[in-house]
Amino acid sequence: MKITLALLISISFLLISCSSEKCPGGEKATLVDLTGLDGCGFVIELEDGSRLEPTNLLDYDNTPVNGKKVWVKYQTVDGGSICMVGQIVEITCLEPRN
């Protein structure tokens, strides 16, 4: 009985720790509202200060908020930008972080 209980507790901790990782392999980032600049909207700013211009942000966050901390995974895409403040990307994962 003690072994079964210990095993159950161990499995529970393992599942909780695995499910708490948002966007595995993602990067820490912040949503930034640049709507004051011509042709810009929300961009994603990475910790190193570089910016990403997502093509599909609203697919992941219907109400973006300036300063919101997120985990993000993305892939670069070809294309032009009117805003021209960062690399054009398609988001593959976007989750809030604390």
PDB file of N, CA and C in Angstrom:
ATOM      1  N   MET A   1       0.816  -1.195   0.000  1.00  0.00           N
ATOM      2  CA  MET A   1       0.000   0.000   0.000  1.00  0.00           C
ATOM      3  C   MET A   1       0.863   1.263   0.000  1.00  0.00           C
ATOM      4  N   LYS A   2       1.946   1.269   0.809  1.00  0.00           N
ATOM      5  CA  LYS A   2       2.804   2.444   0.879  1.00  0.00           C
ATOM      6  C   LYS A   2       3.501   2.687  -0.450  1.00  0.00           C
ATOM      7  N   ILE A   3       3.909   1.601  -1.122  1.00  0.00           N
ATOM      8  CA  ILE A   3       4.578   1.739  -2.420  1.00  0.00           C
ATOM      9  C   ILE A   3       3.607   2.313  -3.444  1.00  0.00           C
ATOM     10  N   THR A   4       2.371   1.862  -3.450  1.00  0.00           N
ATOM     11  CA  THR A   4       1.370   2.346  -4.394  1.00  0.00           C
ATOM     12  C   THR A   4       1.097   3.833  -4.165  1.00  0.00           C
ATOM     13  N   LEU A   5       0.981   4.251  -2.921  1.00  0.00           N
ATOM     14  CA  LEU A   5       0.743   5.648  -2.599  1.00  0.00           C
ATOM     15  C   LEU A   5       1.935   6.505  -3.022  1.00  0.00           C
ATOM     16  N   ALA A   6       3.140   6.038  -2.734  1.00  0.00           N
ATOM     17  CA  ALA A   6       4.344   6.778  -3.126  1.00  0.00           C
ATOM     18  C   ALA A   6       4.434   6.895  -4.647  1.00  0.00           C
ATOM     19  N   LEU A   7       4.105   5.833  -5.350  1.00  0.00           N
ATOM     20  CA  LEU A   7       4.125   5.847  -6.808  1.00  0.00           C
ATOM     21  C   LEU A   7       3.087   6.821  -7.353  1.00  0.00           C
ATOM     22  N   LEU A   8       1.894   6.820  -6.777  1.00  0.00           N
ATOM     23  CA  LEU A   8       0.830   7.724  -7.206  1.00  0.00           C
ATOM     24  C   LEU A   8       1.231   9.183  -6.990  1.00  0.00           C
ATOM     25  N   ILE A   9       1.836   9.472  -5.850  1.00  0.00           N
ATOM     26  CA  ILE A   9       2.281  10.842  -5.570  1.00  0.00           C
ATOM     27  C   ILE A   9       3.384  11.256  -6.539  1.00  0.00           C
ATOM     28  N   SER A  10       4.319  10.370  -6.808  1.00  0.00           N
ATOM     29  CA  SER A  10       5.412  10.675  -7.741  1.00  0.00           C
ATOM     30  C   SER A  10       4.882  10.968  -9.135  1.00  0.00           C
ATOM     31  N   ILE A  11       3.954  10.156  -9.588  1.00  0.00           N
ATOM     32  CA  ILE A  11       3.363  10.365 -10.918  1.00  0.00           C
ATOM     33  C   ILE A  11       2.612  11.688 -10.964  1.00  0.00           C
ATOM     34  N   SER A  12       1.900  12.020  -9.893  1.00  0.00           N
ATOM     35  CA  SER A  12       1.160  13.288  -9.838  1.00  0.00           C
ATOM     36  C   SER A  12       2.097  14.480  -9.962  1.00  0.00           C
ATOM     37  N   PHE A  13       3.212  14.460  -9.214  1.00  0.00           N
ATOM     38  CA  PHE A  13       4.177  15.558  -9.305  1.00  0.00           C
ATOM     39  C   PHE A  13       4.770  15.653 -10.701  1.00  0.00           C
ATOM     40  N   LEU A  14       5.031  14.533 -11.315  1.00  0.00           N
ATOM     41  CA  LEU A  14       5.582  14.521 -12.661  1.00  0.00           C
ATOM     42  C   LEU A  14       4.606  15.147 -13.647  1.00  0.00           C
ATOM     43  N   LEU A  15       3.342  14.789 -13.556  1.00  0.00           N
ATOM     44  CA  LEU A  15       2.339  15.342 -14.465  1.00  0.00           C
ATOM     45  C   LEU A  15       2.148  16.840 -14.252  1.00  0.00           C
ATOM     46  N   ILE A  16       2.153  17.261 -13.002  1.00  0.00           N
ATOM     47  CA  ILE A  16       1.984  18.684 -12.714  1.00  0.00           C
ATOM     48  C   ILE A  16       3.166  19.479 -13.248  1.00  0.00           C
ATOM     49  N   SER A  17       4.372  18.980 -13.046  1.00  0.00           N
ATOM     50  CA  SER A  17       5.543  19.716 -13.521  1.00  0.00           C
ATOM     51  C   SER A  17       5.598  19.758 -15.035  1.00  0.00           C
ATOM     52  N   CYS A  18       5.175  18.711 -15.712  1.00  0.00           N
ATOM     53  CA  CYS A  18       5.180  18.705 -17.176  1.00  0.00           C
ATOM     54  C   CYS A  18       4.134  19.650 -17.740  1.00  0.00           C
ATOM     55  N   SER A  19       2.965  19.690 -17.134  1.00  0.00           N
ATOM     56  CA  SER A  19       1.891  20.508 -17.681  1.00  0.00           C
ATOM     57  C   SER A  19       2.092  21.992 -17.397  1.00  0.00           C
ATOM     58  N   SER A  20       2.973  22.349 -16.453  1.00  0.00           N
ATOM     59  CA  SER A  20       3.176  23.755 -16.148  1.00  0.00           C
ATOM     60  C   SER A  20       4.095  24.439 -17.157  1.00  0.00           C
ATOM     61  N   GLU A  21       4.810  23.673 -17.961  1.00  0.00           N
ATOM     62  CA  GLU A  21       5.692  24.289 -18.957  1.00  0.00           C
ATOM     63  C   GLU A  21       4.856  24.703 -20.159  1.00  0.00           C
ATOM     64  N   LYS A  22       4.794  25.998 -20.361  1.00  0.00           N
ATOM     65  CA  LYS A  22       4.022  26.546 -21.474  1.00  0.00           C
ATOM     66  C   LYS A  22       4.917  26.658 -22.694  1.00  0.00           C
ATOM     67  N   CYS A  23       4.407  26.323 -23.833  1.00  0.00           N
ATOM     68  CA  CYS A  23       5.162  26.409 -25.083  1.00  0.00           C
ATOM     69  C   CYS A  23       6.561  25.812 -24.912  1.00  0.00           C
ATOM     70  N   PRO A  24       6.666  24.511 -24.751  1.00  0.00           N
ATOM     71  CA  PRO A  24       7.988  23.897 -24.557  1.00  0.00           C
ATOM     72  C   PRO A  24       8.981  24.375 -25.617  1.00  0.00           C
ATOM     73  N   GLY A  25      10.117  24.850 -25.164  1.00  0.00           N
ATOM     74  CA  GLY A  25      11.122  25.374 -26.077  1.00  0.00           C
ATOM     75  C   GLY A  25      10.861  26.806 -26.506  1.00  0.00           C
ATOM     76  N   GLY A  26       9.813  27.426 -25.950  1.00  0.00           N
ATOM     77  CA  GLY A  26       9.474  28.799 -26.314  1.00  0.00           C
ATOM     78  C   GLY A  26      10.382  29.809 -25.641  1.00  0.00           C
ATOM     79  N   GLU A  27      10.244  31.050 -26.060  1.00  0.00           N
ATOM     80  CA  GLU A  27      11.057  32.141 -25.532  1.00  0.00           C
ATOM     81  C   GLU A  27      10.196  33.083 -24.701  1.00  0.00           C
ATOM     82  N   LYS A  28      10.812  33.702 -23.690  1.00  0.00           N
ATOM     83  CA  LYS A  28      10.129  34.721 -22.902  1.00  0.00           C
ATOM     84  C   LYS A  28       9.992  35.966 -23.764  1.00  0.00           C
ATOM     85  N   ALA A  29       8.792  36.569 -23.712  1.00  0.00           N
ATOM     86  CA  ALA A  29       8.538  37.747 -24.531  1.00  0.00           C
ATOM     87  C   ALA A  29       7.454  38.602 -23.891  1.00  0.00           C
ATOM     88  N   THR A  30       7.258  39.772 -24.482  1.00  0.00           N
ATOM     89  CA  THR A  30       6.244  40.719 -24.019  1.00  0.00           C
ATOM     90  C   THR A  30       5.495  41.264 -25.228  1.00  0.00           C
ATOM     91  N   LEU A  31       4.171  41.406 -25.108  1.00  0.00           N
ATOM     92  CA  LEU A  31       3.391  42.042 -26.164  1.00  0.00           C
ATOM     93  C   LEU A  31       3.557  43.550 -26.036  1.00  0.00           C
ATOM     94  N   VAL A  32       3.793  44.217 -27.165  1.00  0.00           N
ATOM     95  CA  VAL A  32       4.007  45.666 -27.173  1.00  0.00           C
ATOM     96  C   VAL A  32       3.079  46.289 -28.215  1.00  0.00           C
ATOM     97  N   ASP A  33       2.333  47.306 -27.790  1.00  0.00           N
ATOM     98  CA  ASP A  33       1.395  47.992 -28.674  1.00  0.00           C
ATOM     99  C   ASP A  33       2.100  49.148 -29.373  1.00  0.00           C
ATOM    100  N   LEU A  34       2.274  49.017 -30.679  1.00  0.00           N
ATOM    101  CA  LEU A  34       2.906  50.071 -31.475  1.00  0.00           C
ATOM    102  C   LEU A  34       1.921  50.707 -32.459  1.00  0.00           C
ATOM    103  N   THR A  35       0.650  50.744 -32.089  1.00  0.00           N
ATOM    104  CA  THR A  35      -0.355  51.279 -33.010  1.00  0.00           C
ATOM    105  C   THR A  35      -0.158  52.753 -33.318  1.00  0.00           C
ATOM    106  N   GLY A  36       0.652  53.453 -32.550  1.00  0.00           N
ATOM    107  CA  GLY A  36       0.931  54.864 -32.827  1.00  0.00           C
ATOM    108  C   GLY A  36       1.852  55.065 -34.016  1.00  0.00           C
ATOM    109  N   LEU A  37       2.567  54.020 -34.428  1.00  0.00           N
ATOM    110  CA  LEU A  37       3.447  54.114 -35.595  1.00  0.00           C
ATOM    111  C   LEU A  37       2.683  53.703 -36.843  1.00  0.00           C
ATOM    112  N   ASP A  38       2.994  54.324 -37.971  1.00  0.00           N
ATOM    113  CA  ASP A  38       2.304  54.012 -39.224  1.00  0.00           C
ATOM    114  C   ASP A  38       2.361  52.523 -39.551  1.00  0.00           C
ATOM    115  N   GLY A  39       1.218  51.935 -39.783  1.00  0.00           N
ATOM    116  CA  GLY A  39       1.139  50.549 -40.229  1.00  0.00           C
ATOM    117  C   GLY A  39       1.437  49.515 -39.161  1.00  0.00           C
ATOM    118  N   CYS A  40       1.590  49.931 -37.917  1.00  0.00           N
ATOM    119  CA  CYS A  40       1.927  48.984 -36.851  1.00  0.00           C
ATOM    120  C   CYS A  40       0.714  48.650 -36.001  1.00  0.00           C
ATOM    121  N   GLY A  41       0.849  47.546 -35.310  1.00  0.00           N
ATOM    122  CA  GLY A  41      -0.125  47.106 -34.320  1.00  0.00           C
ATOM    123  C   GLY A  41       0.652  46.527 -33.160  1.00  0.00           C
ATOM    124  N   PHE A  42       0.207  45.379 -32.678  1.00  0.00           N
ATOM    125  CA  PHE A  42       0.944  44.708 -31.613  1.00  0.00           C
ATOM    126  C   PHE A  42       2.118  43.940 -32.198  1.00  0.00           C
ATOM    127  N   VAL A  43       3.257  44.038 -31.532  1.00  0.00           N
ATOM    128  CA  VAL A  43       4.435  43.256 -31.883  1.00  0.00           C
ATOM    129  C   VAL A  43       4.839  42.467 -30.641  1.00  0.00           C
ATOM    130  N   ILE A  44       5.738  41.540 -30.831  1.00  0.00           N
ATOM    131  CA  ILE A  44       6.245  40.734 -29.732  1.00  0.00           C
ATOM    132  C   ILE A  44       7.701  41.112 -29.524  1.00  0.00           C
ATOM    133  N   GLU A  45       8.030  41.505 -28.294  1.00  0.00           N
ATOM    134  CA  GLU A  45       9.404  41.880 -27.984  1.00  0.00           C
ATOM    135  C   GLU A  45      10.050  40.770 -27.162  1.00  0.00           C
ATOM    136  N   LEU A  46      11.150  40.237 -27.671  1.00  0.00           N
ATOM    137  CA  LEU A  46      11.882  39.185 -26.976  1.00  0.00           C
ATOM    138  C   LEU A  46      12.756  39.799 -25.892  1.00  0.00           C
ATOM    139  N   GLU A  47      13.262  38.961 -24.995  1.00  0.00           N
ATOM    140  CA  GLU A  47      14.083  39.457 -23.888  1.00  0.00           C
ATOM    141  C   GLU A  47      15.330  40.213 -24.344  1.00  0.00           C
ATOM    142  N   ASP A  48      15.865  39.864 -25.512  1.00  0.00           N
ATOM    143  CA  ASP A  48      17.067  40.537 -25.997  1.00  0.00           C
ATOM    144  C   ASP A  48      16.756  41.888 -26.659  1.00  0.00           C
ATOM    145  N   GLY A  49      15.477  42.287 -26.673  1.00  0.00           N
ATOM    146  CA  GLY A  49      15.074  43.561 -27.241  1.00  0.00           C
ATOM    147  C   GLY A  49      14.653  43.491 -28.695  1.00  0.00           C
ATOM    148  N   SER A  50      14.903  42.362 -29.354  1.00  0.00           N
ATOM    149  CA  SER A  50      14.479  42.249 -30.755  1.00  0.00           C
ATOM    150  C   SER A  50      12.959  42.100 -30.815  1.00  0.00           C
ATOM    151  N   ARG A  51      12.401  42.517 -31.934  1.00  0.00           N
ATOM    152  CA  ARG A  51      10.950  42.507 -32.097  1.00  0.00           C
ATOM    153  C   ARG A  51      10.521  41.590 -33.234  1.00  0.00           C
ATOM    154  N   LEU A  52       9.355  41.021 -33.041  1.00  0.00           N
ATOM    155  CA  LEU A  52       8.751  40.147 -34.045  1.00  0.00           C
ATOM    156  C   LEU A  52       7.417  40.745 -34.460  1.00  0.00           C
ATOM    157  N   GLU A  53       7.140  40.694 -35.753  1.00  0.00           N
ATOM    158  CA  GLU A  53       5.850  41.141 -36.262  1.00  0.00           C
ATOM    159  C   GLU A  53       5.040  39.902 -36.633  1.00  0.00           C
ATOM    160  N   PRO A  54       4.129  39.485 -35.751  1.00  0.00           N
ATOM    161  CA  PRO A  54       3.369  38.258 -36.007  1.00  0.00           C
ATOM    162  C   PRO A  54       2.263  38.474 -37.035  1.00  0.00           C
ATOM    163  N   THR A  55       2.099  37.479 -37.895  1.00  0.00           N
ATOM    164  CA  THR A  55       1.035  37.537 -38.899  1.00  0.00           C
ATOM    165  C   THR A  55      -0.283  36.981 -38.363  1.00  0.00           C
ATOM    166  N   ASN A  56      -0.212  36.251 -37.257  1.00  0.00           N
ATOM    167  CA  ASN A  56      -1.405  35.547 -36.768  1.00  0.00           C
ATOM    168  C   ASN A  56      -1.617  35.700 -35.260  1.00  0.00           C
ATOM    169  N   LEU A  57      -1.276  36.841 -34.688  1.00  0.00           N
ATOM    170  CA  LEU A  57      -1.409  37.048 -33.245  1.00  0.00           C
ATOM    171  C   LEU A  57      -2.838  36.823 -32.761  1.00  0.00           C
ATOM    172  N   LEU A  58      -3.822  37.304 -33.507  1.00  0.00           N
ATOM    173  CA  LEU A  58      -5.210  37.189 -33.063  1.00  0.00           C
ATOM    174  C   LEU A  58      -5.718  35.752 -33.069  1.00  0.00           C
ATOM    175  N   ASP A  59      -5.007  34.844 -33.731  1.00  0.00           N
ATOM    176  CA  ASP A  59      -5.363  33.420 -33.654  1.00  0.00           C
ATOM    177  C   ASP A  59      -5.072  32.866 -32.263  1.00  0.00           C
ATOM    178  N   TYR A  60      -4.168  33.514 -31.532  1.00  0.00           N
ATOM    179  CA  TYR A  60      -3.740  33.032 -30.218  1.00  0.00           C
ATOM    180  C   TYR A  60      -4.189  33.928 -29.074  1.00  0.00           C
ATOM    181  N   ASP A  61      -4.384  35.204 -29.314  1.00  0.00           N
ATOM    182  CA  ASP A  61      -4.750  36.144 -28.266  1.00  0.00           C
ATOM    183  C   ASP A  61      -5.761  37.129 -28.852  1.00  0.00           C
ATOM    184  N   ASN A  62      -7.042  36.903 -28.561  1.00  0.00           N
ATOM    185  CA  ASN A  62      -8.091  37.739 -29.146  1.00  0.00           C
ATOM    186  C   ASN A  62      -8.105  39.164 -28.622  1.00  0.00           C
ATOM    187  N   THR A  63      -7.552  39.373 -27.428  1.00  0.00           N
ATOM    188  CA  THR A  63      -7.505  40.712 -26.857  1.00  0.00           C
ATOM    189  C   THR A  63      -6.099  40.988 -26.318  1.00  0.00           C
ATOM    190  N   PRO A  64      -5.148  41.269 -27.207  1.00  0.00           N
ATOM    191  CA  PRO A  64      -3.788  41.548 -26.743  1.00  0.00           C
ATOM    192  C   PRO A  64      -3.763  42.774 -25.834  1.00  0.00           C
ATOM    193  N   VAL A  65      -2.891  42.724 -24.842  1.00  0.00           N
ATOM    194  CA  VAL A  65      -2.750  43.816 -23.878  1.00  0.00           C
ATOM    195  C   VAL A  65      -1.288  44.249 -23.842  1.00  0.00           C
ATOM    196  N   ASN A  66      -1.066  45.551 -23.938  1.00  0.00           N
ATOM    197  CA  ASN A  66       0.292  46.080 -23.904  1.00  0.00           C
ATOM    198  C   ASN A  66       0.983  45.676 -22.596  1.00  0.00           C
ATOM    199  N   GLY A  67       2.183  45.119 -22.718  1.00  0.00           N
ATOM    200  CA  GLY A  67       2.953  44.724 -21.551  1.00  0.00           C
ATOM    201  C   GLY A  67       2.694  43.311 -21.059  1.00  0.00           C
ATOM    202  N   LYS A  68       1.793  42.590 -21.713  1.00  0.00           N
ATOM    203  CA  LYS A  68       1.481  41.221 -21.289  1.00  0.00           C
ATOM    204  C   LYS A  68       2.693  40.316 -21.508  1.00  0.00           C
ATOM    205  N   LYS A  69       3.080  39.580 -20.471  1.00  0.00           N
ATOM    206  CA  LYS A  69       4.214  38.656 -20.533  1.00  0.00           C
ATOM    207  C   LYS A  69       3.732  37.333 -21.120  1.00  0.00           C
ATOM    208  N   VAL A  70       4.488  36.790 -22.084  1.00  0.00           N
ATOM    209  CA  VAL A  70       4.085  35.555 -22.767  1.00  0.00           C
ATOM    210  C   VAL A  70       5.282  34.643 -23.017  1.00  0.00           C
ATOM    211  N   TRP A  71       4.965  33.387 -23.293  1.00  0.00           N
ATOM    212  CA  TRP A  71       5.906  32.432 -23.873  1.00  0.00           C
ATOM    213  C   TRP A  71       5.539  32.364 -25.341  1.00  0.00           C
ATOM    214  N   VAL A  72       6.521  32.370 -26.230  1.00  0.00           N
ATOM    215  CA  VAL A  72       6.218  32.332 -27.657  1.00  0.00           C
ATOM    216  C   VAL A  72       7.166  31.394 -28.403  1.00  0.00           C
ATOM    217  N   LYS A  73       6.586  30.684 -29.356  1.00  0.00           N
ATOM    218  CA  LYS A  73       7.346  29.927 -30.346  1.00  0.00           C
ATOM    219  C   LYS A  73       6.855  30.419 -31.697  1.00  0.00           C
ATOM    220  N   TYR A  74       7.758  30.473 -32.654  1.00  0.00           N
ATOM    221  CA  TYR A  74       7.393  31.038 -33.952  1.00  0.00           C
ATOM    222  C   TYR A  74       8.301  30.491 -35.034  1.00  0.00           C
ATOM    223  N   GLN A  75       7.884  30.747 -36.268  1.00  0.00           N
ATOM    224  CA  GLN A  75       8.734  30.447 -37.413  1.00  0.00           C
ATOM    225  C   GLN A  75       8.725  31.671 -38.324  1.00  0.00           C
ATOM    226  N   THR A  76       9.871  31.949 -38.911  1.00  0.00           N
ATOM    227  CA  THR A  76       9.954  33.109 -39.791  1.00  0.00           C
ATOM    228  C   THR A  76       9.214  32.825 -41.096  1.00  0.00           C
ATOM    229  N   VAL A  77       8.678  33.881 -41.663  1.00  0.00           N
ATOM    230  CA  VAL A  77       7.973  33.766 -42.943  1.00  0.00           C
ATOM    231  C   VAL A  77       8.452  34.881 -43.858  1.00  0.00           C
ATOM    232  N   ASP A  78       8.353  34.642 -45.142  1.00  0.00           N
ATOM    233  CA  ASP A  78       8.704  35.666 -46.122  1.00  0.00           C
ATOM    234  C   ASP A  78       7.570  36.671 -46.209  1.00  0.00           C
ATOM    235  N   GLY A  79       7.915  37.890 -46.488  1.00  0.00           N
ATOM    236  CA  GLY A  79       6.889  38.905 -46.661  1.00  0.00           C
ATOM    237  C   GLY A  79       7.417  40.269 -46.273  1.00  0.00           C
ATOM    238  N   GLY A  80       6.661  41.257 -46.662  1.00  0.00           N
ATOM    239  CA  GLY A  80       7.020  42.626 -46.355  1.00  0.00           C
ATOM    240  C   GLY A  80       6.164  43.155 -45.224  1.00  0.00           C
ATOM    241  N   SER A  81       6.585  44.301 -44.719  1.00  0.00           N
ATOM    242  CA  SER A  81       5.878  44.911 -43.605  1.00  0.00           C
ATOM    243  C   SER A  81       5.839  46.418 -43.785  1.00  0.00           C
ATOM    244  N   ILE A  82       4.707  46.990 -43.483  1.00  0.00           N
ATOM    245  CA  ILE A  82       4.602  48.447 -43.481  1.00  0.00           C
ATOM    246  C   ILE A  82       5.246  48.991 -42.213  1.00  0.00           C
ATOM    247  N   CYS A  83       5.099  48.278 -41.114  1.00  0.00           N
ATOM    248  CA  CYS A  83       5.614  48.698 -39.811  1.00  0.00           C
ATOM    249  C   CYS A  83       7.146  48.690 -39.774  1.00  0.00           C
ATOM    250  N   MET A  84       7.751  47.653 -40.282  1.00  0.00           N
ATOM    251  CA  MET A  84       9.210  47.510 -40.406  1.00  0.00           C
ATOM    252  C   MET A  84       9.977  47.701 -39.089  1.00  0.00           C
ATOM    253  N   VAL A  85       9.518  47.060 -38.016  1.00  0.00           N
ATOM    254  CA  VAL A  85      10.247  47.142 -36.751  1.00  0.00           C
ATOM    255  C   VAL A  85      10.817  45.799 -36.316  1.00  0.00           C
ATOM    256  N   GLY A  86      10.520  44.753 -37.081  1.00  0.00           N
ATOM    257  CA  GLY A  86      11.008  43.442 -36.679  1.00  0.00           C
ATOM    258  C   GLY A  86      10.839  42.406 -37.768  1.00  0.00           C
ATOM    259  N   GLN A  87      11.214  41.208 -37.420  1.00  0.00           N
ATOM    260  CA  GLN A  87      11.129  40.079 -38.338  1.00  0.00           C
ATOM    261  C   GLN A  87       9.680  39.609 -38.449  1.00  0.00           C
ATOM    262  N   ILE A  88       9.244  39.287 -39.664  1.00  0.00           N
ATOM    263  CA  ILE A  88       7.897  38.787 -39.889  1.00  0.00           C
ATOM    264  C   ILE A  88       7.873  37.310 -39.486  1.00  0.00           C
ATOM    265  N   VAL A  89       6.908  36.942 -38.606  1.00  0.00           N
ATOM    266  CA  VAL A  89       6.842  35.570 -38.112  1.00  0.00           C
ATOM    267  C   VAL A  89       5.406  35.077 -38.071  1.00  0.00           C
ATOM    268  N   GLU A  90       5.287  33.767 -38.032  1.00  0.00           N
ATOM    269  CA  GLU A  90       4.007  33.109 -37.775  1.00  0.00           C
ATOM    270  C   GLU A  90       4.144  32.422 -36.420  1.00  0.00           C
ATOM    271  N   ILE A  91       3.240  32.739 -35.503  1.00  0.00           N
ATOM    272  CA  ILE A  91       3.266  32.155 -34.168  1.00  0.00           C
ATOM    273  C   ILE A  91       2.825  30.703 -34.250  1.00  0.00           C
ATOM    274  N   THR A  92       3.551  29.818 -33.562  1.00  0.00           N
ATOM    275  CA  THR A  92       3.154  28.409 -33.472  1.00  0.00           C
ATOM    276  C   THR A  92       2.693  28.055 -32.063  1.00  0.00           C
ATOM    277  N   CYS A  93       3.027  28.897 -31.081  1.00  0.00           N
ATOM    278  CA  CYS A  93       2.587  28.705 -29.707  1.00  0.00           C
ATOM    279  C   CYS A  93       2.689  30.036 -28.980  1.00  0.00           C
ATOM    280  N   LEU A  94       1.655  30.393 -28.227  1.00  0.00           N
ATOM    281  CA  LEU A  94       1.662  31.620 -27.445  1.00  0.00           C
ATOM    282  C   LEU A  94       0.862  31.363 -26.178  1.00  0.00           C
ATOM    283  N   GLU A  95       1.507  31.485 -25.034  1.00  0.00           N
ATOM    284  CA  GLU A  95       0.864  31.245 -23.744  1.00  0.00           C
ATOM    285  C   GLU A  95       1.255  32.347 -22.769  1.00  0.00           C
ATOM    286  N   PRO A  96       0.335  32.751 -21.896  1.00  0.00           N
ATOM    287  CA  PRO A  96       0.699  33.742 -20.882  1.00  0.00           C
ATOM    288  C   PRO A  96       1.728  33.191 -19.901  1.00  0.00           C
ATOM    289  N   ARG A  97       2.518  34.071 -19.327  1.00  0.00           N
ATOM    290  CA  ARG A  97       3.472  33.685 -18.279  1.00  0.00           C
ATOM    291  C   ARG A  97       3.393  34.705 -17.163  1.00  0.00           C
ATOM    292  N   ASN A  98       3.881  34.319 -16.010  1.00  0.00           N
ATOM    293  CA  ASN A  98       3.845  35.223 -14.850  1.00  0.00           C
ATOM    294  C   ASN A  98       5.094  36.045 -14.778  1.00  0.00           C
TER     295      ASN A  98
END
